[in-house]
């Protein structure tokens, strides 16, 4: 049986990857804007800090390993492994906070996330397959 992966996204499409924007990126944009109350910003920031403290930041978002890969356009997207229960629970909370701010959030599941360019115990970062 193939492993399953989970991703929480918004309706906004990222121009680099041509994929829906993930909720962490959407939450950062919302937090850094001026549409939130002080309390909502603090709650949103607390969830983002949890991810910063408990989830490794991938070192690459491109497929190539060639010299200068870090200067390439980031086209990869992140997925949680289905067994990353704490991450998924916090993502659900973050998604609910975004919904309360008027941002549509959807939970995606797949067994075929794309070409893996980064992996750890909780997540994979993938280049999406062209046909998906």
C-alpha atoms as a PDB file:
ATOM      1  CA  UNK A   1       0.000   0.000   0.000  1.00  0.00           C
ATOM      2  CA  UNK A   2       1.335   3.434  -0.951  1.00  0.00           C
ATOM      3  CA  UNK A   3       1.782   6.046   1.785  1.00  0.00           C
ATOM      4  CA  UNK A   4      -0.760   8.839   1.967  1.00  0.00           C
ATOM      5  CA  UNK A   5      -0.012  12.559   2.134  1.00  0.00           C
ATOM      6  CA  UNK A   6      -2.146  15.491   3.279  1.00  0.00           C
ATOM      7  CA  UNK A   7      -2.046  19.143   2.243  1.00  0.00           C
ATOM      8  CA  UNK A   8      -4.170  22.115   3.285  1.00  0.00           C
ATOM      9  CA  UNK A   9      -4.602  24.755   0.593  1.00  0.00           C
ATOM     10  CA  UNK A  10      -6.453  27.948  -0.257  1.00  0.00           C
ATOM     11  CA  UNK A  11      -8.163  28.905  -3.518  1.00  0.00           C
ATOM     12  CA  UNK A  12      -5.269  31.207  -4.454  1.00  0.00           C
ATOM     13  CA  UNK A  13      -2.862  29.819  -7.067  1.00  0.00           C
ATOM     14  CA  UNK A  14       0.884  30.306  -6.635  1.00  0.00           C
ATOM     15  CA  UNK A  15       2.380  31.614  -9.886  1.00  0.00           C
ATOM     16  CA  UNK A  16       5.702  29.770  -9.447  1.00  0.00           C
ATOM     17  CA  UNK A  17       4.279  26.280  -8.929  1.00  0.00           C
ATOM     18  CA  UNK A  18       0.861  26.848 -10.550  1.00  0.00           C
ATOM     19  CA  UNK A  19      -0.578  25.018  -7.512  1.00  0.00           C
ATOM     20  CA  UNK A  20      -2.952  26.191  -4.764  1.00  0.00           C
ATOM     21  CA  UNK A  21      -1.266  28.206  -2.012  1.00  0.00           C
ATOM     22  CA  UNK A  22      -0.592  26.243   1.174  1.00  0.00           C
ATOM     23  CA  UNK A  23      -2.128  27.452   4.417  1.00  0.00           C
ATOM     24  CA  UNK A  24       1.158  28.290   6.136  1.00  0.00           C
ATOM     25  CA  UNK A  25       2.118  30.675   3.348  1.00  0.00           C
ATOM     26  CA  UNK A  26      -1.422  32.119   3.304  1.00  0.00           C
ATOM     27  CA  UNK A  27      -1.360  32.547   7.099  1.00  0.00           C
ATOM     28  CA  UNK A  28       1.984  34.388   6.938  1.00  0.00           C
ATOM     29  CA  UNK A  29       0.589  36.811   4.357  1.00  0.00           C
ATOM     30  CA  UNK A  30      -2.526  37.391   6.447  1.00  0.00           C
ATOM     31  CA  UNK A  31      -0.486  37.878   9.632  1.00  0.00           C
ATOM     32  CA  UNK A  32       1.809  40.384   7.922  1.00  0.00           C
ATOM     33  CA  UNK A  33      -1.102  42.381   6.496  1.00  0.00           C
ATOM     34  CA  UNK A  34      -3.254  44.836   8.384  1.00  0.00           C
ATOM     35  CA  UNK A  35      -6.671  43.126   8.196  1.00  0.00           C
ATOM     36  CA  UNK A  36      -6.479  41.293  11.551  1.00  0.00           C
ATOM     37  CA  UNK A  37      -7.275  42.357  15.079  1.00  0.00           C
ATOM     38  CA  UNK A  38      -4.404  42.234  17.557  1.00  0.00           C
ATOM     39  CA  UNK A  39      -5.872  39.114  19.179  1.00  0.00           C
ATOM     40  CA  UNK A  40      -6.389  37.308  15.859  1.00  0.00           C
ATOM     41  CA  UNK A  41      -2.823  38.178  14.790  1.00  0.00           C
ATOM     42  CA  UNK A  42      -1.444  36.815  18.084  1.00  0.00           C
ATOM     43  CA  UNK A  43      -3.427  33.564  17.745  1.00  0.00           C
ATOM     44  CA  UNK A  44      -2.354  33.122  14.140  1.00  0.00           C
ATOM     45  CA  UNK A  45       1.252  33.860  15.038  1.00  0.00           C
ATOM     46  CA  UNK A  46       1.155  31.296  17.872  1.00  0.00           C
ATOM     47  CA  UNK A  47       0.152  28.560  15.405  1.00  0.00           C
ATOM     48  CA  UNK A  48       2.833  29.653  12.935  1.00  0.00           C
ATOM     49  CA  UNK A  49       5.418  29.603  15.733  1.00  0.00           C
ATOM     50  CA  UNK A  50       4.380  26.038  16.563  1.00  0.00           C
ATOM     51  CA  UNK A  51       5.215  25.001  13.005  1.00  0.00           C
ATOM     52  CA  UNK A  52       8.491  26.921  13.110  1.00  0.00           C
ATOM     53  CA  UNK A  53       9.492  25.105  16.321  1.00  0.00           C
ATOM     54  CA  UNK A  54       8.246  21.630  15.428  1.00  0.00           C
ATOM     55  CA  UNK A  55       8.630  21.239  11.673  1.00  0.00           C
ATOM     56  CA  UNK A  56      11.945  21.294   9.839  1.00  0.00           C
ATOM     57  CA  UNK A  57      12.264  23.907   7.132  1.00  0.00           C
ATOM     58  CA  UNK A  58      13.150  22.185   3.861  1.00  0.00           C
ATOM     59  CA  UNK A  59      16.439  23.241   2.331  1.00  0.00           C
ATOM     60  CA  UNK A  60      15.282  23.039  -1.264  1.00  0.00           C
ATOM     61  CA  UNK A  61      12.204  23.567  -3.387  1.00  0.00           C
ATOM     62  CA  UNK A  62      13.617  22.666  -6.804  1.00  0.00           C
ATOM     63  CA  UNK A  63      14.284  19.329  -8.498  1.00  0.00           C
ATOM     64  CA  UNK A  64      17.834  19.947  -9.712  1.00  0.00           C
ATOM     65  CA  UNK A  65      20.934  19.509  -7.594  1.00  0.00           C
ATOM     66  CA  UNK A  66      23.114  21.409 -10.042  1.00  0.00           C
ATOM     67  CA  UNK A  67      25.332  24.304  -9.088  1.00  0.00           C
ATOM     68  CA  UNK A  68      23.218  27.339  -8.260  1.00  0.00           C
ATOM     69  CA  UNK A  69      20.053  25.344  -7.513  1.00  0.00           C
ATOM     70  CA  UNK A  70      19.269  27.802  -4.710  1.00  0.00           C
ATOM     71  CA  UNK A  71      18.802  30.574  -7.305  1.00  0.00           C
ATOM     72  CA  UNK A  72      16.172  28.647  -9.251  1.00  0.00           C
ATOM     73  CA  UNK A  73      12.475  29.408  -9.132  1.00  0.00           C
ATOM     74  CA  UNK A  74      10.804  27.491  -6.275  1.00  0.00           C
ATOM     75  CA  UNK A  75       8.210  25.200  -7.809  1.00  0.00           C
ATOM     76  CA  UNK A  76       7.858  22.503  -5.145  1.00  0.00           C
ATOM     77  CA  UNK A  77       4.982  22.133  -2.709  1.00  0.00           C
ATOM     78  CA  UNK A  78       4.841  20.621   0.786  1.00  0.00           C
ATOM     79  CA  UNK A  79       2.725  17.710   1.998  1.00  0.00           C
ATOM     80  CA  UNK A  80       2.365  16.259   5.493  1.00  0.00           C
ATOM     81  CA  UNK A  81       2.767  12.542   5.868  1.00  0.00           C
ATOM     82  CA  UNK A  82      -0.585  11.068   6.940  1.00  0.00           C
ATOM     83  CA  UNK A  83       0.945   9.817  10.201  1.00  0.00           C
ATOM     84  CA  UNK A  84       2.114  13.328  11.222  1.00  0.00           C
ATOM     85  CA  UNK A  85      -0.867  13.650  13.581  1.00  0.00           C
ATOM     86  CA  UNK A  86       0.322  16.709  15.541  1.00  0.00           C
ATOM     87  CA  UNK A  87       1.166  18.629  12.360  1.00  0.00           C
ATOM     88  CA  UNK A  88      -2.185  17.791  10.816  1.00  0.00           C
ATOM     89  CA  UNK A  89      -4.043  18.809  13.985  1.00  0.00           C
ATOM     90  CA  UNK A  90      -2.232  22.168  14.025  1.00  0.00           C
ATOM     91  CA  UNK A  91      -2.847  22.585  10.289  1.00  0.00           C
ATOM     92  CA  UNK A  92      -6.550  21.977  10.867  1.00  0.00           C
ATOM     93  CA  UNK A  93      -6.518  24.650  13.581  1.00  0.00           C
ATOM     94  CA  UNK A  94      -4.651  27.051  11.297  1.00  0.00           C
ATOM     95  CA  UNK A  95      -7.112  26.281   8.506  1.00  0.00           C
ATOM     96  CA  UNK A  96     -10.025  27.035  10.817  1.00  0.00           C
ATOM     97  CA  UNK A  97      -8.430  30.361  11.763  1.00  0.00           C
ATOM     98  CA  UNK A  98      -8.071  31.227   8.074  1.00  0.00           C
ATOM     99  CA  UNK A  99     -11.704  30.293   7.433  1.00  0.00           C
ATOM    100  CA  UNK A 100     -12.767  32.600  10.254  1.00  0.00           C
ATOM    101  CA  UNK A 101     -10.926  35.369   8.396  1.00  0.00           C
ATOM    102  CA  UNK A 102     -12.800  34.627   5.175  1.00  0.00           C
ATOM    103  CA  UNK A 103     -10.161  32.484   3.444  1.00  0.00           C
ATOM    104  CA  UNK A 104     -11.456  29.288   1.806  1.00  0.00           C
ATOM    105  CA  UNK A 105      -9.420  26.244   2.883  1.00  0.00           C
ATOM    106  CA  UNK A 106      -9.486  22.732   1.455  1.00  0.00           C
ATOM    107  CA  UNK A 107      -7.857  19.515   2.678  1.00  0.00           C
ATOM    108  CA  UNK A 108      -6.224  17.446  -0.082  1.00  0.00           C
ATOM    109  CA  UNK A 109      -5.118  13.810   0.126  1.00  0.00           C
ATOM    110  CA  UNK A 110      -2.984  11.837  -2.303  1.00  0.00           C
ATOM    111  CA  UNK A 111      -0.780   8.800  -2.623  1.00  0.00           C
ATOM    112  CA  UNK A 112       1.050  10.392  -5.593  1.00  0.00           C
ATOM    113  CA  UNK A 113       2.337  13.810  -4.458  1.00  0.00           C
ATOM    114  CA  UNK A 114       4.989  14.211  -7.165  1.00  0.00           C
ATOM    115  CA  UNK A 115       8.771  13.969  -7.452  1.00  0.00           C
ATOM    116  CA  UNK A 116      10.187  14.139  -3.911  1.00  0.00           C
ATOM    117  CA  UNK A 117      12.975  16.712  -3.493  1.00  0.00           C
ATOM    118  CA  UNK A 118      12.972  16.751   0.333  1.00  0.00           C
ATOM    119  CA  UNK A 119      11.718  14.332   2.960  1.00  0.00           C
ATOM    120  CA  UNK A 120      11.821  14.040   6.731  1.00  0.00           C
ATOM    121  CA  UNK A 121       9.753  12.142   9.322  1.00  0.00           C
ATOM    122  CA  UNK A 122       6.747  14.505   9.036  1.00  0.00           C
ATOM    123  CA  UNK A 123       6.669  15.873   5.501  1.00  0.00           C
ATOM    124  CA  UNK A 124       7.705  15.661   1.877  1.00  0.00           C
ATOM    125  CA  UNK A 125       8.380  18.468  -0.568  1.00  0.00           C
ATOM    126  CA  UNK A 126       7.543  17.544  -4.126  1.00  0.00           C
ATOM    127  CA  UNK A 127       7.542  18.784  -7.672  1.00  0.00           C
ATOM    128  CA  UNK A 128       3.976  17.997  -8.844  1.00  0.00           C
ATOM    129  CA  UNK A 129       3.513  15.570 -11.700  1.00  0.00           C
ATOM    130  CA  UNK A 130       2.443  17.387 -14.889  1.00  0.00           C
ATOM    131  CA  UNK A 131      -0.752  15.379 -15.216  1.00  0.00           C
ATOM    132  CA  UNK A 132      -2.033  16.062 -11.684  1.00  0.00           C
END
